[in-house]
Each structure stands twice: as structure tokens, then as C-alpha cells.
C-alpha atoms as a PDB file:
ATOM      1  CA  MET A   1       3.187  22.462  15.383  1.00  0.00           C
ATOM      2  CA  LYS A   2       3.078  20.609  12.086  1.00  0.00           C
ATOM      3  CA  ARG A   3      -0.419  19.502  11.154  1.00  0.00           C
ATOM      4  CA  TRP A   4       0.354  16.140   9.552  1.00  0.00           C
ATOM      5  CA  TYR A   5      -3.169  14.770  10.102  1.00  0.00           C
ATOM      6  CA  LEU A   6      -4.668  17.728   8.262  1.00  0.00           C
ATOM      7  CA  TYR A   7      -2.258  17.499   5.313  1.00  0.00           C
ATOM      8  CA  LEU A   8      -2.440  13.699   5.087  1.00  0.00           C
ATOM      9  CA  GLY A   9      -6.234  13.770   5.398  1.00  0.00           C
ATOM     10  CA  ALA A  10      -6.540  16.361   2.628  1.00  0.00           C
ATOM     11  CA  LEU A  11      -4.209  14.330   0.390  1.00  0.00           C
ATOM     12  CA  LEU A  12      -6.140  11.095   1.000  1.00  0.00           C
ATOM     13  CA  ALA A  13      -9.462  12.841   0.401  1.00  0.00           C
ATOM     14  CA  LEU A  14      -8.143  14.208  -2.908  1.00  0.00           C
ATOM     15  CA  ILE A  15      -6.807  10.797  -3.990  1.00  0.00           C
ATOM     16  CA  GLY A  16     -10.095   9.151  -2.985  1.00  0.00           C
ATOM     17  CA  LEU A  17     -12.032  11.698  -5.039  1.00  0.00           C
ATOM     18  CA  LEU A  18      -9.833  11.052  -8.068  1.00  0.00           C
ATOM     19  CA  ILE A  19     -10.323   7.289  -7.624  1.00  0.00           C
ATOM     20  CA  VAL A  20     -14.110   7.748  -7.583  1.00  0.00           C
ATOM     21  CA  ILE A  21     -14.058   9.995 -10.669  1.00  0.00           C
ATOM     22  CA  PHE A  22     -11.470   8.041 -12.713  1.00  0.00           C
ATOM     23  CA  PRO A  23     -11.726   4.355 -11.603  1.00  0.00           C
ATOM     24  CA  ALA A  24     -10.468   2.876 -14.899  1.00  0.00           C
ATOM     25  CA  PHE A  25      -7.288   4.941 -14.679  1.00  0.00           C
ATOM     26  CA  TRP A  26      -6.573   3.657 -11.162  1.00  0.00           C
ATOM     27  CA  ILE A  27      -7.076   0.058 -12.256  1.00  0.00           C
ATOM     28  CA  LYS A  28      -4.307   0.668 -14.812  1.00  0.00           C
ATOM     29  CA  VAL A  29      -2.159   2.208 -12.071  1.00  0.00           C
ATOM     30  CA  VAL A  30      -2.597  -0.953  -9.955  1.00  0.00           C
ATOM     31  CA  VAL A  31      -1.599  -3.167 -12.891  1.00  0.00           C
ATOM     32  CA  ILE A  32       1.455  -1.010 -13.677  1.00  0.00           C
ATOM     33  CA  LEU A  33       2.559  -1.086 -10.017  1.00  0.00           C
ATOM     34  CA  LEU A  34       2.150  -4.874  -9.939  1.00  0.00           C
ATOM     35  CA  GLY A  35       4.155  -5.090 -13.155  1.00  0.00           C
ATOM     36  CA  LEU A  36       6.983  -3.041 -11.664  1.00  0.00           C
ATOM     37  CA  SER A  37       6.841  -5.200  -8.526  1.00  0.00           C
ATOM     38  CA  MET A  38       7.116  -8.379 -10.619  1.00  0.00           C
ATOM     39  CA  ILE A  39      10.136  -7.000 -12.454  1.00  0.00           C
ATOM     40  CA  ALA A  40      11.858  -6.122  -9.175  1.00  0.00           C
ATOM     41  CA  TYR A  41      10.880  -9.455  -7.592  1.00  0.00           C
ATOM     42  CA  GLY A  42      12.144 -11.388 -10.632  1.00  0.00           C
ATOM     43  CA  ILE A  43      15.517  -9.637 -10.517  1.00  0.00           C
ATOM     44  CA  TYR A  44      15.737 -10.199  -6.761  1.00  0.00           C
ATOM     45  CA  SER A  45      14.942 -13.906  -7.175  1.00  0.00           C
ATOM     46  CA  LEU A  46      17.613 -14.330  -9.839  1.00  0.00           C
ATOM     47  CA  LYS A  47      20.269 -12.615  -7.728  1.00  0.00           C
ATOM     48  CA  VAL A  48      19.390 -13.703  -4.189  1.00  0.00           C
ATOM     49  CA  THR A  49      16.830 -16.512  -3.964  1.00  0.00           C
ATOM     50  CA  LYS A  50      18.495 -18.702  -6.622  1.00  0.00           C
ATOM     51  CA  ALA A  51      21.695 -18.714  -4.571  1.00  0.00           C
ATOM     52  CA  LEU A  52      19.991 -20.050  -1.426  1.00  0.00           C
ATOM     53  CA  PHE A  53      20.130 -23.710  -2.368  1.00  0.00           C
ATOM     54  CA  ASP A  54      22.368 -25.596  -4.802  1.00  0.00           C
ATOM     55  CA  ASP A  55      19.771 -27.934  -6.276  1.00  0.00           C
ATOM     56  CA  SER A  56      18.908 -28.327  -9.963  1.00  0.00           C
ATOM     57  CA  HIS A  57      15.107 -28.422  -9.401  1.00  0.00           C
ATOM     58  CA  PHE A  58      15.275 -25.371  -7.135  1.00  0.00           C
ATOM     59  CA  THR A  59      17.489 -23.233  -9.379  1.00  0.00           C
ATOM     60  CA  THR A  60      15.592 -24.194 -12.563  1.00  0.00           C
ATOM     61  CA  THR A  61      12.223 -23.342 -11.000  1.00  0.00           C
ATOM     62  CA  ILE A  62      13.511 -20.013  -9.684  1.00  0.00           C
ATOM     63  CA  MET A  63      15.048 -19.113 -13.055  1.00  0.00           C
ATOM     64  CA  VAL A  64      11.887 -19.911 -15.027  1.00  0.00           C
ATOM     65  CA  LYS A  65       9.675 -18.165 -12.484  1.00  0.00           C
ATOM     66  CA  SER A  66      11.904 -15.066 -12.424  1.00  0.00           C
ATOM     67  CA  ILE A  67      12.309 -14.719 -16.198  1.00  0.00           C
ATOM     68  CA  VAL A  68       8.578 -15.200 -16.854  1.00  0.00           C
ATOM     69  CA  GLY A  69       7.799 -12.721 -14.067  1.00  0.00           C
ATOM     70  CA  ILE A  70      10.130 -10.093 -15.538  1.00  0.00           C
ATOM     71  CA  VAL A  71       8.682 -10.510 -19.045  1.00  0.00           C
ATOM     72  CA  ILE A  72       5.056 -10.345 -17.848  1.00  0.00           C
ATOM     73  CA  GLY A  73       5.972  -7.444 -15.577  1.00  0.00           C
ATOM     74  CA  LEU A  74       7.366  -5.491 -18.530  1.00  0.00           C
ATOM     75  CA  LEU A  75       4.236  -6.216 -20.581  1.00  0.00           C
ATOM     76  CA  SER A  76       2.069  -5.140 -17.623  1.00  0.00           C
ATOM     77  CA  VAL A  77       3.812  -1.774 -17.613  1.00  0.00           C
ATOM     78  CA  ILE A  78       3.691  -1.292 -21.408  1.00  0.00           C
ATOM     79  CA  PHE A  79       0.196  -2.624 -22.231  1.00  0.00           C
ATOM     80  CA  PRO A  80      -1.878  -0.312 -20.002  1.00  0.00           C
ATOM     81  CA  LEU A  81      -0.160   2.679 -21.592  1.00  0.00           C
ATOM     82  CA  ALA A  82      -0.397   1.447 -25.198  1.00  0.00           C
ATOM     83  CA  PHE A  83      -3.576  -0.628 -25.480  1.00  0.00           C
ATOM     84  CA  SER A  84      -7.170  -0.860 -24.303  1.00  0.00           C
ATOM     85  CA  GLY A  85     -10.221  -3.031 -24.904  1.00  0.00           C
ATOM     86  CA  THR A  86      -9.747  -6.746 -25.549  1.00  0.00           C
ATOM     87  CA  VAL A  87      -5.933  -6.603 -25.521  1.00  0.00           C
ATOM     88  CA  TRP A  88      -6.014  -4.845 -22.136  1.00  0.00           C
ATOM     89  CA  THR A  89      -8.393  -7.481 -20.678  1.00  0.00           C
ATOM     90  CA  PHE A  90      -6.187 -10.270 -22.030  1.00  0.00           C
ATOM     91  CA  MET A  91      -3.149  -8.667 -20.351  1.00  0.00           C
ATOM     92  CA  ILE A  92      -4.906  -8.512 -16.976  1.00  0.00           C
ATOM     93  CA  TRP A  93      -5.807 -12.205 -17.086  1.00  0.00           C
ATOM     94  CA  THR A  94      -2.302 -13.111 -18.261  1.00  0.00           C
ATOM     95  CA  LEU A  95      -0.954 -11.254 -15.231  1.00  0.00           C
ATOM     96  CA  ILE A  96      -3.425 -13.027 -12.936  1.00  0.00           C
ATOM     97  CA  ILE A  97      -2.447 -16.473 -14.239  1.00  0.00           C
ATOM     98  CA  THR A  98       1.261 -15.595 -13.973  1.00  0.00           C
ATOM     99  CA  LEU A  99       0.854 -14.451 -10.368  1.00  0.00           C
ATOM    100  CA  ILE A 100      -0.952 -17.661  -9.409  1.00  0.00           C
ATOM    101  CA  LEU A 101       1.573 -19.913 -11.168  1.00  0.00           C
ATOM    102  CA  SER A 102       4.458 -17.935  -9.635  1.00  0.00           C
ATOM    103  CA  ALA A 103       2.971 -18.416  -6.181  1.00  0.00           C
ATOM    104  CA  ILE A 104       2.553 -22.163  -6.767  1.00  0.00           C
ATOM    105  CA  ALA A 105       6.153 -22.419  -8.027  1.00  0.00           C
ATOM    106  CA  GLY A 106       7.285 -20.393  -5.023  1.00  0.00           C
ATOM    107  CA  PHE A 107       5.569 -22.701  -2.541  1.00  0.00           C
ATOM    108  CA  TYR A 108       7.105 -25.672  -4.349  1.00  0.00           C
ATOM    109  CA  THR A 109      10.623 -24.220  -4.081  1.00  0.00           C
ATOM    110  CA  ALA A 110       9.953 -23.368  -0.426  1.00  0.00           C
ATOM    111  CA  ALA A 111       9.105 -27.029   0.139  1.00  0.00           C
ATOM    112  CA  LEU A 112      12.460 -27.975  -1.387  1.00  0.00           C
ATOM    113  CA  LEU A 113      14.144 -25.876   1.313  1.00  0.00           C
ATOM    114  CA  LYS A 114      12.476 -27.853   4.104  1.00  0.00           C
ATOM    115  CA  ASP A 115      15.521 -29.865   5.214  1.00  0.00           C
ATOM    116  CA  THR A 116      18.137 -27.183   4.535  1.00  0.00           C
ATOM    117  CA  GLY A 117      17.682 -25.228   7.756  1.00  0.00           C
ATOM    118  CA  ILE A 118      17.046 -22.016   5.755  1.00  0.00           C
ATOM    119  CA  ASP A 119      14.348 -19.760   7.196  1.00  0.00           C
ATOM    120  CA  ARG A 120      11.375 -20.036   4.829  1.00  0.00           C
ATOM    121  CA  LYS A 121       8.996 -17.636   6.585  1.00  0.00           C
ATOM    122  CA  ASN A 122       9.708 -14.609   4.395  1.00  0.00           C
ATOM    123  CA  TYR A 123       9.639 -16.782   1.303  1.00  0.00           C
ATOM    124  CA  PHE A 124       6.157 -18.056   2.187  1.00  0.00           C
ATOM    125  CA  LEU A 125       5.014 -14.470   2.798  1.00  0.00           C
ATOM    126  CA  GLU A 126       6.350 -13.377  -0.595  1.00  0.00           C
ATOM    127  CA  ASN A 127       4.345 -16.053  -2.394  1.00  0.00           C
ATOM    128  CA  LEU A 128       1.277 -15.361  -0.285  1.00  0.00           C
ATOM    129  CA  PHE A 129       1.493 -11.752  -1.473  1.00  0.00           C
ATOM    130  CA  LEU A 130       1.505 -13.006  -5.087  1.00  0.00           C
ATOM    131  CA  LEU A 131      -1.741 -14.891  -4.440  1.00  0.00           C
ATOM    132  CA  ILE A 132      -3.325 -11.850  -2.763  1.00  0.00           C
ATOM    133  CA  ALA A 133      -2.316  -9.675  -5.727  1.00  0.00           C
ATOM    134  CA  ALA A 134      -3.952 -12.193  -8.094  1.00  0.00           C
ATOM    135  CA  VAL A 135      -7.175 -12.115  -6.046  1.00  0.00           C
ATOM    136  CA  VAL A 136      -7.193  -8.299  -6.109  1.00  0.00           C
ATOM    137  CA  LEU A 137      -6.847  -8.340  -9.898  1.00  0.00           C
ATOM    138  CA  ILE A 138      -9.627 -10.929 -10.221  1.00  0.00           C
ATOM    139  CA  LEU A 139     -11.914  -8.648  -8.211  1.00  0.00           C
ATOM    140  CA  ILE A 140     -11.180  -5.499 -10.231  1.00  0.00           C
ATOM    141  CA  SER A 141     -10.804  -7.082 -13.684  1.00  0.00           C
ATOM    142  CA  PRO A 142     -14.473  -7.444 -14.782  1.00  0.00           C
ATOM    143  CA  LYS A 143     -15.271  -4.018 -16.195  1.00  0.00           C
ATOM    144  CA  GLN A 144     -18.417  -2.984 -14.293  1.00  0.00           C
ATOM    145  CA  LEU A 145     -17.672  -4.920 -11.092  1.00  0.00           C
ATOM    146  CA  GLY A 146     -14.076  -3.715 -11.084  1.00  0.00           C
ATOM    147  CA  ILE A 147     -15.089  -0.077 -11.474  1.00  0.00           C
ATOM    148  CA  ALA A 148     -17.660  -0.447  -8.680  1.00  0.00           C
ATOM    149  CA  ILE A 149     -15.078  -2.003  -6.328  1.00  0.00           C
ATOM    150  CA  VAL A 150     -12.494   0.683  -7.126  1.00  0.00           C
ATOM    151  CA  ARG A 151     -15.084   3.407  -6.478  1.00  0.00           C
ATOM    152  CA  ILE A 152     -15.922   1.815  -3.111  1.00  0.00           C
ATOM    153  CA  ILE A 153     -12.203   1.875  -2.267  1.00  0.00           C
ATOM    154  CA  GLY A 154     -12.125   5.543  -3.324  1.00  0.00           C
ATOM    155  CA  ILE A 155     -15.043   6.365  -1.019  1.00  0.00           C
ATOM    156  CA  ALA A 156     -13.284   4.548   1.837  1.00  0.00           C
ATOM    157  CA  VAL A 157     -10.124   6.609   1.198  1.00  0.00           C
ATOM    158  CA  ILE A 158     -12.202   9.819   1.245  1.00  0.00           C
ATOM    159  CA  VAL A 159     -13.793   8.806   4.558  1.00  0.00           C
ATOM    160  CA  ILE A 160     -10.362   8.074   6.082  1.00  0.00           C
ATOM    161  CA  GLY A 161      -9.054  11.423   4.839  1.00  0.00           C
ATOM    162  CA  ALA A 162     -12.072  13.272   6.240  1.00  0.00           C
ATOM    163  CA  ALA A 163     -11.654  11.472   9.583  1.00  0.00           C
ATOM    164  CA  LEU A 164      -8.001  12.570   9.785  1.00  0.00           C
ATOM    165  CA  ILE A 165      -8.982  16.167   9.039  1.00  0.00           C
ATOM    166  CA  ILE A 166     -11.672  16.071  11.756  1.00  0.00           C
ATOM    167  CA  VAL A 167      -9.196  14.596  14.254  1.00  0.00           C
ATOM    168  CA  ASP A 168      -6.715  17.363  13.440  1.00  0.00           C
ATOM    169  CA  LEU A 169      -9.261  20.163  13.767  1.00  0.00           C
ATOM    170  CA  THR A 170     -10.735  18.710  16.958  1.00  0.00           C
ATOM    171  CA  SER A 171      -7.361  18.185  18.622  1.00  0.00           C
ATOM    172  CA  LYS A 172      -6.331  21.750  17.746  1.00  0.00           C
ATOM    173  CA  LYS A 173      -9.468  23.114  19.381  1.00  0.00           C
ATOM    174  CA  GLU A 174      -8.841  21.094  22.547  1.00  0.00           C
ATOM    175  CA  VAL A 175      -5.246  22.359  22.777  1.00  0.00           C
ATOM    176  CA  ILE A 176      -6.386  25.966  22.466  1.00  0.00           C
ATOM    177  CA  VAL A 177      -9.050  25.545  25.177  1.00  0.00           C
ATOM    178  CA  ALA A 178      -6.587  23.829  27.520  1.00  0.00           C
ATOM    179  CA  THR A 179      -4.022  26.570  27.017  1.00  0.00           C
ATOM    180  CA  ALA A 180      -6.596  29.285  27.673  1.00  0.00           C
ATOM    181  CA  ASP A 181      -7.676  27.611  30.942  1.00  0.00           C
ATOM    182  CA  ASP A 182      -4.166  26.932  32.228  1.00  0.00           C
ATOM    183  CA  THR A 183      -2.503  30.233  31.333  1.00  0.00           C
ATOM    184  CA  PRO A 184      -3.447  33.293  33.421  1.00  0.00           C
ATOM    185  CA  ILE A 185      -4.845  36.080  31.286  1.00  0.00           C
ATOM    186  CA  THR A 186      -3.685  38.915  33.652  1.00  0.00           C
ATOM    187  CA  ASP A 187      -1.179  39.220  36.450  1.00  0.00           C
ATOM    188  CA  PRO A 188      -2.640  38.876  39.973  1.00  0.00           C
ATOM    189  CA  ASP A 189      -3.645  42.093  41.778  1.00  0.00           C
ATOM    190  CA  PRO A 190      -1.079  42.804  44.584  1.00  0.00           C
ATOM    191  CA  ALA A 191      -3.823  44.237  46.799  1.00  0.00           C
ATOM    192  CA  THR A 192      -5.840  41.012  46.786  1.00  0.00           C
ATOM    193  CA  ASP A 193      -3.099  38.385  46.358  1.00  0.00           C
ATOM    194  CA  PRO A 194      -2.046  37.016  49.794  1.00  0.00           C
ATOM    195  CA  SER A 195       1.414  35.997  48.566  1.00  0.00           C
ATOM    196  CA  THR A 196       2.318  39.502  47.454  1.00  0.00           C
ATOM    197  CA  SER A 197       0.889  41.147  50.600  1.00  0.00           C
ATOM    198  CA  SER A 198       2.886  38.874  52.892  1.00  0.00           C
ATOM    199  CA  GLU A 199       6.103  39.729  51.063  1.00  0.00           C
ATOM    200  CA  ASP A 200       5.373  43.460  51.533  1.00  0.00           C
ATOM    201  CA  ASP A 201       4.887  42.942  55.275  1.00  0.00           C
END
């Protein structure tokens, strides 16, 4: 039987430990991932969302939002790898402001779709995610507070990993006990087993 809980728990515990030891590195990882997401989202908006509604206000807003998102996304990938200090802090806050403005623009364009009959649920969720991402960056951006929050997340990941390992080890023990109880250790003695004696008669 494959022990996915054990392997996943060990992996999570290792990642959590690395997060606790190297919090600043993981903050950069979050920013890079958000940057890549903004690039992908900007390209998607230009190709798919812009074509939803033939309206000048809608298409212009989507184009500006997408192009700005792609540019800031590229900078968010490059800056963490190339810079630190004040430039790095400036990049984080630029990303935060871009995410908030993109969400506002997204809600505005969703409002323009109100009378078109187009399903806007996913579009609202997309822009809600942008706001959540901005809030996450606001929480982890101040140096000391951000490192403390990331370390707390790392500890939580370690706890989850340890819990999965315990569940795996405990469930394995229960399976072994159940198998030992249900499976006969030796064959029944023909002299004392009524079923075998009746067949002989």
C-alpha cells in the first residue's frame, strides 16, 4: 500500500522547516509566483476576457489592466532575483497597488457586463483573488512583521505535516492489529474441531 500521508507529511514538514529558517526567501517566492500569475492572467484577459463584450469602455479597461499587469508581473519576477533593500520594498508596494487597482478595474468591467447576460461569477472571483493577494502582500511586506507571519505559516505547515505522518503511522498500526486478529495463526486441530470430526464420521 502506498503511504501517501507519510510522504506528503514529510514533504510538508520539510517545507515548513525551510520556511521557518529562510522566511525572507519564501516572501520572494510568493512575490515571484504572484508575478507569474499576473503575467498569465494578463495574457488570458487580452485573449479571452476582452472578447466577451464589444464595448469601447470594456475593451479599453481590459487592455490597460492586462498590459499593466503583464509589465508589473515581469518586474515582480525580475526584481526579487536582481535587487534587495529599498528597491525590493518599492517593488512589493508597486505590486500591491497594481493588484488593488486591477481588482477595482475588474469589478468595474464586471458591472459593464450586467445587462449582457454573460455569467459574471467567475469574473468576480478572479478580481476577489486579486484583492486577497494584495492583502497577503500587505501582511508580509513590513520586514519584521512579514518575517514573523511567514514563520508562523511555516510552523503551521510543520504541524500539518507532522499530523499527516502520525495519521499514517497510526492507521498502519491499526491495520496490522486487525489483520492479526482476523487471520488464524495456525490451522485448526482435526481432533478438537467439530467440523472436521463430523466429516470423518
